[in-house]
Amino acid sequence: MNFAIPRINSSEMLLYIWKIIDIPFILHKDLIIRISFDLFLDPPEKVKKFINKCIEDELLIKDDNQNLKLSDELQNKLKNWQEKRKIEIFEKIKTASKIASLKNDITKESTNFSVLINAFVDKGTLNRSVSISDTAFELLEYDRSVGIIKSKVKGTKQESYLIEIDVNRKILYHNCHDFETRRAENKKFCKHLTKLFLLLKDKNQNLAEYFLSKIAENIDSWDFTT
C-alpha cells in the first residue's frame, strides 16, 4: 500500500482512509475519532469539515442512524484494490515458497547442478532471481551441438537486456547494470543469468549442467563481457 497521503483529492483521501479502517460503515462521530485520534491525520474541526464535504459531494452516504459508508463508486474502487492486494500477497507467498524450495534444492550437494550454480551465485542473487517472471525471458537459442545460448530479458530499461553464451569462443555477454558494474569483473552471475539457468534446468537439466560445467572448468579462459 502507498502510504503517501493524498490530501488534495477528497475522493482519494477518503479511499485512503477506508483502506486503513476497512469497515462497511461507521458512525459519523466515530469516524471523526478514528481520523483525528487513531490515524492522527487532522484535528477534529478540520476532519468534521472534510467529512461534511464528502457527504455533500456524495462520496459518503449517510443513513438515518448517522452511519456513513462509501458511495457505490468508491466502494467498487476499494473492492478492486482489495482484490489486487490479495493477488499481490498471494504472489509474494508463492515467491517465498519458491525461494525456500530453491534454496533447499541448491544447497543439496547431491546434484551436479547445485554444485555448479553455487560457484557463480550468492544467496541474495538467488533470492532476487526467483522473483523474476519466467515470461520475462525469450529464449532465442540454446543448442549444445553448437555451444550457444541466446536470450532476451525484459528489465527496467525500455529495451530488453541480452544474454549470449558461446562455449567455443568462451564468451559470456550480458548488459544489465549489476552485471556490468559488479558481477562481470568477478565472473559471477547476476539475477538474470541465474534465472536463465534455472529455466534451462526446468527444460533440460543435463543441458543446463553442460553449459555451467563448460564455464566452470575453464573459468580463467572465459571472458565475462558487457
C-alpha atoms as a PDB file:
ATOM      1  CA  MET A   1       0.000   0.000   0.000  1.00  0.00           C
ATOM      2  CA  ASN A   2       1.218   3.504  -0.804  1.00  0.00           C
ATOM      3  CA  PHE A   3       1.302   5.463   2.469  1.00  0.00           C
ATOM      4  CA  ALA A   4       1.654   8.895   0.842  1.00  0.00           C
ATOM      5  CA  ILE A   5      -1.443  10.765   1.996  1.00  0.00           C
ATOM      6  CA  PRO A   6      -3.461  12.124  -0.984  1.00  0.00           C
ATOM      7  CA  ARG A   7      -4.727  15.275   0.715  1.00  0.00           C
ATOM      8  CA  ILE A   8      -5.537  17.250  -2.442  1.00  0.00           C
ATOM      9  CA  ASN A   9      -8.217  14.920  -3.759  1.00  0.00           C
ATOM     10  CA  SER A  10     -11.136  14.250  -1.377  1.00  0.00           C
ATOM     11  CA  SER A  11     -12.109  11.060  -3.163  1.00  0.00           C
ATOM     12  CA  GLU A  12      -8.593   9.617  -2.958  1.00  0.00           C
ATOM     13  CA  MET A  13      -8.214  10.814   0.628  1.00  0.00           C
ATOM     14  CA  LEU A  14     -11.423   9.069   1.657  1.00  0.00           C
ATOM     15  CA  LEU A  15     -10.389   5.900  -0.127  1.00  0.00           C
ATOM     16  CA  TYR A  16      -7.010   6.063   1.607  1.00  0.00           C
ATOM     17  CA  ILE A  17      -8.772   6.233   4.998  1.00  0.00           C
ATOM     18  CA  TRP A  18     -11.101   3.335   4.175  1.00  0.00           C
ATOM     19  CA  LYS A  19      -8.182   1.151   3.113  1.00  0.00           C
ATOM     20  CA  ILE A  20      -6.914   1.506   6.662  1.00  0.00           C
ATOM     21  CA  ILE A  21     -10.106   1.286   8.712  1.00  0.00           C
ATOM     22  CA  ASP A  22     -11.583  -1.433   6.425  1.00  0.00           C
ATOM     23  CA  ILE A  23     -15.179  -1.483   7.690  1.00  0.00           C
ATOM     24  CA  PRO A  24     -18.509  -1.405   5.808  1.00  0.00           C
ATOM     25  CA  PHE A  25     -19.922   1.546   7.738  1.00  0.00           C
ATOM     26  CA  ILE A  26     -19.189   3.725  10.764  1.00  0.00           C
ATOM     27  CA  LEU A  27     -20.966   6.294  12.912  1.00  0.00           C
ATOM     28  CA  HIS A  28     -20.309   9.907  11.994  1.00  0.00           C
ATOM     29  CA  LYS A  29     -18.792  10.735  15.407  1.00  0.00           C
ATOM     30  CA  ASP A  30     -16.694   7.555  15.406  1.00  0.00           C
ATOM     31  CA  LEU A  31     -15.231   8.413  12.016  1.00  0.00           C
ATOM     32  CA  ILE A  32     -14.083  11.762  13.367  1.00  0.00           C
ATOM     33  CA  ILE A  33     -12.386   9.991  16.272  1.00  0.00           C
ATOM     34  CA  ARG A  34     -10.733   7.434  14.003  1.00  0.00           C
ATOM     35  CA  ILE A  35      -9.328  10.046  11.614  1.00  0.00           C
ATOM     36  CA  SER A  36      -8.244  12.527  14.303  1.00  0.00           C
ATOM     37  CA  PHE A  37      -7.110  10.395  17.220  1.00  0.00           C
ATOM     38  CA  ASP A  38      -6.308   6.965  15.749  1.00  0.00           C
ATOM     39  CA  LEU A  39      -4.811   7.984  12.405  1.00  0.00           C
ATOM     40  CA  PHE A  40      -3.681  11.468  13.549  1.00  0.00           C
ATOM     41  CA  LEU A  41      -4.395  12.915  10.117  1.00  0.00           C
ATOM     42  CA  ASP A  42      -6.025  16.214  11.140  1.00  0.00           C
ATOM     43  CA  PRO A  43      -7.597  17.957  14.156  1.00  0.00           C
ATOM     44  CA  PRO A  44     -11.308  17.234  14.803  1.00  0.00           C
ATOM     45  CA  GLU A  45     -12.659  20.508  13.420  1.00  0.00           C
ATOM     46  CA  LYS A  46     -10.826  20.044  10.141  1.00  0.00           C
ATOM     47  CA  VAL A  47     -11.970  16.415   9.971  1.00  0.00           C
ATOM     48  CA  LYS A  48     -15.601  17.477  10.513  1.00  0.00           C
ATOM     49  CA  LYS A  49     -15.343  19.852   7.534  1.00  0.00           C
ATOM     50  CA  PHE A  50     -13.756  17.106   5.427  1.00  0.00           C
ATOM     51  CA  ILE A  51     -16.485  14.599   6.274  1.00  0.00           C
ATOM     52  CA  ASN A  52     -19.257  17.128   5.638  1.00  0.00           C
ATOM     53  CA  LYS A  53     -17.713  17.982   2.271  1.00  0.00           C
ATOM     54  CA  CYS A  54     -17.591  14.262   1.395  1.00  0.00           C
ATOM     55  CA  ILE A  55     -21.266  13.909   2.320  1.00  0.00           C
ATOM     56  CA  GLU A  56     -22.135  16.995   0.287  1.00  0.00           C
ATOM     57  CA  ASP A  57     -20.241  15.591  -2.721  1.00  0.00           C
ATOM     58  CA  GLU A  58     -21.946  12.212  -2.214  1.00  0.00           C
ATOM     59  CA  LEU A  59     -18.649  10.455  -1.650  1.00  0.00           C
ATOM     60  CA  LEU A  60     -20.054   9.345   1.696  1.00  0.00           C
ATOM     61  CA  ILE A  61     -23.610   8.104   2.118  1.00  0.00           C
ATOM     62  CA  LYS A  62     -25.364   8.837   5.403  1.00  0.00           C
ATOM     63  CA  ASP A  63     -28.295   6.839   6.735  1.00  0.00           C
ATOM     64  CA  ASP A  64     -30.941   7.709   9.355  1.00  0.00           C
ATOM     65  CA  ASN A  65     -28.799   6.271  12.154  1.00  0.00           C
ATOM     66  CA  GLN A  66     -25.887   8.579  11.310  1.00  0.00           C
ATOM     67  CA  ASN A  67     -23.924   5.705   9.840  1.00  0.00           C
ATOM     68  CA  LEU A  68     -21.598   6.575   6.988  1.00  0.00           C
ATOM     69  CA  LYS A  69     -20.477   4.346   4.166  1.00  0.00           C
ATOM     70  CA  LEU A  70     -18.633   4.835   0.912  1.00  0.00           C
ATOM     71  CA  SER A  71     -20.500   5.686  -2.250  1.00  0.00           C
ATOM     72  CA  ASP A  72     -21.005   2.799  -4.657  1.00  0.00           C
ATOM     73  CA  GLU A  73     -18.269   4.121  -6.937  1.00  0.00           C
ATOM     74  CA  LEU A  74     -15.718   4.354  -4.138  1.00  0.00           C
ATOM     75  CA  GLN A  75     -16.842   1.007  -2.739  1.00  0.00           C
ATOM     76  CA  ASN A  76     -16.107  -0.588  -6.106  1.00  0.00           C
ATOM     77  CA  LYS A  77     -12.689   1.077  -6.209  1.00  0.00           C
ATOM     78  CA  LEU A  78     -11.974  -0.236  -2.732  1.00  0.00           C
ATOM     79  CA  LYS A  79     -13.081  -3.733  -3.696  1.00  0.00           C
ATOM     80  CA  ASN A  80     -10.875  -3.698  -6.797  1.00  0.00           C
ATOM     81  CA  TRP A  81      -7.900  -2.536  -4.709  1.00  0.00           C
ATOM     82  CA  GLN A  82      -8.523  -5.273  -2.156  1.00  0.00           C
ATOM     83  CA  GLU A  83      -8.642  -7.932  -4.886  1.00  0.00           C
ATOM     84  CA  LYS A  84      -5.411  -6.629  -6.354  1.00  0.00           C
ATOM     85  CA  ARG A  85      -3.788  -6.698  -2.917  1.00  0.00           C
ATOM     86  CA  LYS A  86      -4.905 -10.303  -2.407  1.00  0.00           C
ATOM     87  CA  ILE A  87      -3.245 -11.266  -5.682  1.00  0.00           C
ATOM     88  CA  GLU A  88      -0.049  -9.390  -4.763  1.00  0.00           C
ATOM     89  CA  ILE A  89       0.102 -11.056  -1.346  1.00  0.00           C
ATOM     90  CA  PHE A  90      -0.562 -14.477  -2.870  1.00  0.00           C
ATOM     91  CA  GLU A  91       2.239 -13.905  -5.394  1.00  0.00           C
ATOM     92  CA  LYS A  92       4.614 -12.903  -2.595  1.00  0.00           C
ATOM     93  CA  ILE A  93       3.726 -16.063  -0.687  1.00  0.00           C
ATOM     94  CA  LYS A  94       4.332 -18.151  -3.813  1.00  0.00           C
ATOM     95  CA  THR A  95       7.666 -16.418  -4.389  1.00  0.00           C
ATOM     96  CA  ALA A  96       8.726 -17.003  -0.790  1.00  0.00           C
ATOM     97  CA  SER A  97       7.765 -20.664  -1.141  1.00  0.00           C
ATOM     98  CA  LYS A  98       9.731 -20.944  -4.381  1.00  0.00           C
ATOM     99  CA  ILE A  99      12.768 -19.324  -2.755  1.00  0.00           C
ATOM    100  CA  ALA A 100      12.631 -21.749   0.180  1.00  0.00           C
ATOM    101  CA  SER A 101      12.254 -24.723  -2.151  1.00  0.00           C
ATOM    102  CA  LEU A 102      15.033 -23.485  -4.409  1.00  0.00           C
ATOM    103  CA  LYS A 103      17.399 -22.899  -1.512  1.00  0.00           C
ATOM    104  CA  ASN A 104      16.694 -26.406  -0.294  1.00  0.00           C
ATOM    105  CA  ASP A 105      17.409 -27.885  -3.733  1.00  0.00           C
ATOM    106  CA  ILE A 106      20.522 -25.868  -4.489  1.00  0.00           C
ATOM    107  CA  THR A 107      22.125 -26.353  -1.095  1.00  0.00           C
ATOM    108  CA  LYS A 108      21.904 -30.105  -1.555  1.00  0.00           C
ATOM    109  CA  GLU A 109      25.374 -31.165  -2.667  1.00  0.00           C
ATOM    110  CA  SER A 110      23.993 -34.338  -4.232  1.00  0.00           C
ATOM    111  CA  THR A 111      23.239 -32.804  -7.649  1.00  0.00           C
ATOM    112  CA  ASN A 112      25.710 -31.557 -10.212  1.00  0.00           C
ATOM    113  CA  PHE A 113      23.504 -28.551 -10.924  1.00  0.00           C
ATOM    114  CA  SER A 114      23.561 -27.327  -7.310  1.00  0.00           C
ATOM    115  CA  VAL A 115      27.347 -27.636  -7.109  1.00  0.00           C
ATOM    116  CA  LEU A 116      27.853 -25.826 -10.409  1.00  0.00           C
ATOM    117  CA  ILE A 117      25.371 -22.979  -9.873  1.00  0.00           C
ATOM    118  CA  ASN A 118      26.718 -22.325  -6.367  1.00  0.00           C
ATOM    119  CA  ALA A 119      30.077 -21.487  -7.908  1.00  0.00           C
ATOM    120  CA  PHE A 120      28.552 -18.442  -9.575  1.00  0.00           C
ATOM    121  CA  VAL A 121      25.675 -17.332  -7.324  1.00  0.00           C
ATOM    122  CA  ASP A 122      25.312 -15.921  -3.801  1.00  0.00           C
ATOM    123  CA  LYS A 123      22.197 -16.203  -1.628  1.00  0.00           C
ATOM    124  CA  GLY A 124      20.954 -12.670  -2.325  1.00  0.00           C
ATOM    125  CA  THR A 125      21.228 -13.120  -6.091  1.00  0.00           C
ATOM    126  CA  LEU A 126      19.399 -16.429  -5.870  1.00  0.00           C
ATOM    127  CA  ASN A 127      16.532 -14.802  -3.953  1.00  0.00           C
ATOM    128  CA  ARG A 128      16.241 -11.960  -6.476  1.00  0.00           C
ATOM    129  CA  SER A 129      16.330 -14.341  -9.426  1.00  0.00           C
ATOM    130  CA  VAL A 130      13.251 -16.227  -8.231  1.00  0.00           C
ATOM    131  CA  SER A 131      11.212 -13.014  -8.221  1.00  0.00           C
ATOM    132  CA  ILE A 132      11.755 -12.570 -11.985  1.00  0.00           C
ATOM    133  CA  SER A 133       8.826 -13.840 -14.029  1.00  0.00           C
ATOM    134  CA  ASP A 134       9.500 -16.735 -16.391  1.00  0.00           C
ATOM    135  CA  THR A 135       7.738 -14.737 -19.100  1.00  0.00           C
ATOM    136  CA  ALA A 136      10.417 -12.020 -18.886  1.00  0.00           C
ATOM    137  CA  PHE A 137      12.724 -14.354 -20.822  1.00  0.00           C
ATOM    138  CA  GLU A 138      12.663 -15.003 -24.542  1.00  0.00           C
ATOM    139  CA  LEU A 139      14.999 -17.921 -25.198  1.00  0.00           C
ATOM    140  CA  LEU A 140      16.242 -17.389 -28.729  1.00  0.00           C
ATOM    141  CA  GLU A 141      18.687 -20.285 -28.898  1.00  0.00           C
ATOM    142  CA  TYR A 142      20.046 -22.970 -26.599  1.00  0.00           C
ATOM    143  CA  ASP A 143      21.914 -25.586 -28.564  1.00  0.00           C
ATOM    144  CA  ARG A 144      24.507 -27.940 -27.101  1.00  0.00           C
ATOM    145  CA  SER A 145      25.787 -29.036 -30.507  1.00  0.00           C
ATOM    146  CA  VAL A 146      26.941 -25.513 -31.370  1.00  0.00           C
ATOM    147  CA  GLY A 147      27.553 -24.464 -27.754  1.00  0.00           C
ATOM    148  CA  ILE A 148      25.344 -21.383 -27.879  1.00  0.00           C
ATOM    149  CA  ILE A 149      22.754 -19.824 -25.575  1.00  0.00           C
ATOM    150  CA  LYS A 150      20.986 -16.615 -26.601  1.00  0.00           C
ATOM    151  CA  SER A 151      18.170 -14.926 -24.717  1.00  0.00           C
ATOM    152  CA  LYS A 152      16.407 -11.608 -24.315  1.00  0.00           C
ATOM    153  CA  VAL A 153      15.293 -10.453 -20.860  1.00  0.00           C
ATOM    154  CA  LYS A 154      12.741  -7.768 -20.054  1.00  0.00           C
ATOM    155  CA  GLY A 155      14.191  -5.429 -17.441  1.00  0.00           C
ATOM    156  CA  THR A 156      13.793  -1.884 -16.172  1.00  0.00           C
ATOM    157  CA  LYS A 157      15.011  -0.407 -19.449  1.00  0.00           C
ATOM    158  CA  GLN A 158      12.681   0.062 -22.403  1.00  0.00           C
ATOM    159  CA  GLU A 159      14.854  -2.258 -24.489  1.00  0.00           C
ATOM    160  CA  SER A 160      15.381  -5.854 -23.394  1.00  0.00           C
ATOM    161  CA  TYR A 161      18.685  -6.999 -21.950  1.00  0.00           C
ATOM    162  CA  LEU A 162      20.679  -9.548 -23.928  1.00  0.00           C
ATOM    163  CA  ILE A 163      22.432 -12.716 -22.827  1.00  0.00           C
ATOM    164  CA  GLU A 164      24.809 -14.599 -25.108  1.00  0.00           C
ATOM    165  CA  ILE A 165      26.935 -17.555 -24.053  1.00  0.00           C
ATOM    166  CA  ASP A 166      29.376 -19.081 -26.519  1.00  0.00           C
ATOM    167  CA  VAL A 167      31.200 -22.206 -25.293  1.00  0.00           C
ATOM    168  CA  ASN A 168      33.611 -22.364 -28.236  1.00  0.00           C
ATOM    169  CA  ARG A 169      34.689 -18.728 -28.014  1.00  0.00           C
ATOM    170  CA  LYS A 170      34.464 -18.796 -24.198  1.00  0.00           C
ATOM    171  CA  ILE A 171      32.436 -15.587 -24.083  1.00  0.00           C
ATOM    172  CA  LEU A 172      29.597 -14.738 -21.715  1.00  0.00           C
ATOM    173  CA  TYR A 173      27.918 -11.462 -22.674  1.00  0.00           C
ATOM    174  CA  HIS A 174      25.236  -9.648 -20.705  1.00  0.00           C
ATOM    175  CA  ASN A 175      24.354  -5.970 -20.378  1.00  0.00           C
ATOM    176  CA  CYS A 176      22.357  -5.367 -17.200  1.00  0.00           C
ATOM    177  CA  HIS A 177      23.749  -2.738 -14.818  1.00  0.00           C
ATOM    178  CA  ASP A 178      24.549  -5.160 -11.995  1.00  0.00           C
ATOM    179  CA  PHE A 179      26.495  -7.463 -14.298  1.00  0.00           C
ATOM    180  CA  GLU A 180      28.329  -4.561 -15.940  1.00  0.00           C
ATOM    181  CA  THR A 181      29.375  -2.864 -12.719  1.00  0.00           C
ATOM    182  CA  ARG A 182      29.817  -5.739 -10.244  1.00  0.00           C
ATOM    183  CA  ARG A 183      29.474  -9.292 -11.468  1.00  0.00           C
ATOM    184  CA  ALA A 184      31.439  -9.458 -14.730  1.00  0.00           C
ATOM    185  CA  GLU A 185      34.734  -8.441 -13.168  1.00  0.00           C
ATOM    186  CA  ASN A 186      34.469 -11.231 -10.570  1.00  0.00           C
ATOM    187  CA  LYS A 187      32.997 -13.725 -13.048  1.00  0.00           C
ATOM    188  CA  LYS A 188      29.786 -14.141 -11.073  1.00  0.00           C
ATOM    189  CA  PHE A 189      26.157 -14.325 -12.178  1.00  0.00           C
ATOM    190  CA  CYS A 190      23.567 -11.571 -11.757  1.00  0.00           C
ATOM    191  CA  LYS A 191      19.914 -12.401 -11.124  1.00  0.00           C
ATOM    192  CA  HIS A 192      19.172 -12.622 -14.875  1.00  0.00           C
ATOM    193  CA  LEU A 193      21.897 -15.176 -15.586  1.00  0.00           C
ATOM    194  CA  THR A 194      20.875 -17.144 -12.504  1.00  0.00           C
ATOM    195  CA  LYS A 195      17.245 -17.198 -13.597  1.00  0.00           C
ATOM    196  CA  LEU A 196      18.259 -18.221 -17.120  1.00  0.00           C
ATOM    197  CA  PHE A 197      19.988 -21.340 -15.829  1.00  0.00           C
ATOM    198  CA  LEU A 198      17.087 -22.143 -13.520  1.00  0.00           C
ATOM    199  CA  LEU A 199      14.792 -22.019 -16.549  1.00  0.00           C
ATOM    200  CA  LEU A 200      17.177 -24.200 -18.527  1.00  0.00           C
ATOM    201  CA  LYS A 201      17.290 -26.658 -15.645  1.00  0.00           C
ATOM    202  CA  ASP A 202      13.498 -26.983 -15.771  1.00  0.00           C
ATOM    203  CA  LYS A 203      13.617 -27.585 -19.509  1.00  0.00           C
ATOM    204  CA  ASN A 204      16.658 -29.867 -19.607  1.00  0.00           C
ATOM    205  CA  GLN A 205      18.850 -30.292 -16.530  1.00  0.00           C
ATOM    206  CA  ASN A 206      21.611 -32.067 -18.446  1.00  0.00           C
ATOM    207  CA  LEU A 207      21.806 -29.140 -20.858  1.00  0.00           C
ATOM    208  CA  ALA A 208      21.993 -26.596 -18.029  1.00  0.00           C
ATOM    209  CA  GLU A 209      24.727 -28.629 -16.316  1.00  0.00           C
ATOM    210  CA  TYR A 210      26.666 -28.933 -19.588  1.00  0.00           C
ATOM    211  CA  PHE A 211      26.902 -25.175 -20.092  1.00  0.00           C
ATOM    212  CA  LEU A 212      27.662 -24.497 -16.426  1.00  0.00           C
ATOM    213  CA  SER A 213      30.407 -27.120 -16.388  1.00  0.00           C
ATOM    214  CA  LYS A 214      31.961 -25.704 -19.560  1.00  0.00           C
ATOM    215  CA  ILE A 215      32.136 -22.271 -17.944  1.00  0.00           C
ATOM    216  CA  ALA A 216      33.360 -23.564 -14.583  1.00  0.00           C
ATOM    217  CA  GLU A 217      36.080 -25.918 -15.785  1.00  0.00           C
ATOM    218  CA  ASN A 218      37.903 -23.216 -17.788  1.00  0.00           C
ATOM    219  CA  ILE A 219      36.744 -20.130 -15.888  1.00  0.00           C
ATOM    220  CA  ASP A 220      40.099 -18.321 -16.245  1.00  0.00           C
ATOM    221  CA  SER A 221      39.829 -18.580 -20.035  1.00  0.00           C
ATOM    222  CA  TRP A 222      36.318 -17.144 -20.173  1.00  0.00           C
ATOM    223  CA  ASP A 223      35.586 -13.517 -20.955  1.00  0.00           C
ATOM    224  CA  PHE A 224      32.631 -12.152 -18.986  1.00  0.00           C
ATOM    225  CA  THR A 225      31.874  -9.109 -21.110  1.00  0.00           C
ATOM    226  CA  THR A 226      29.291  -6.345 -21.408  1.00  0.00           C
END
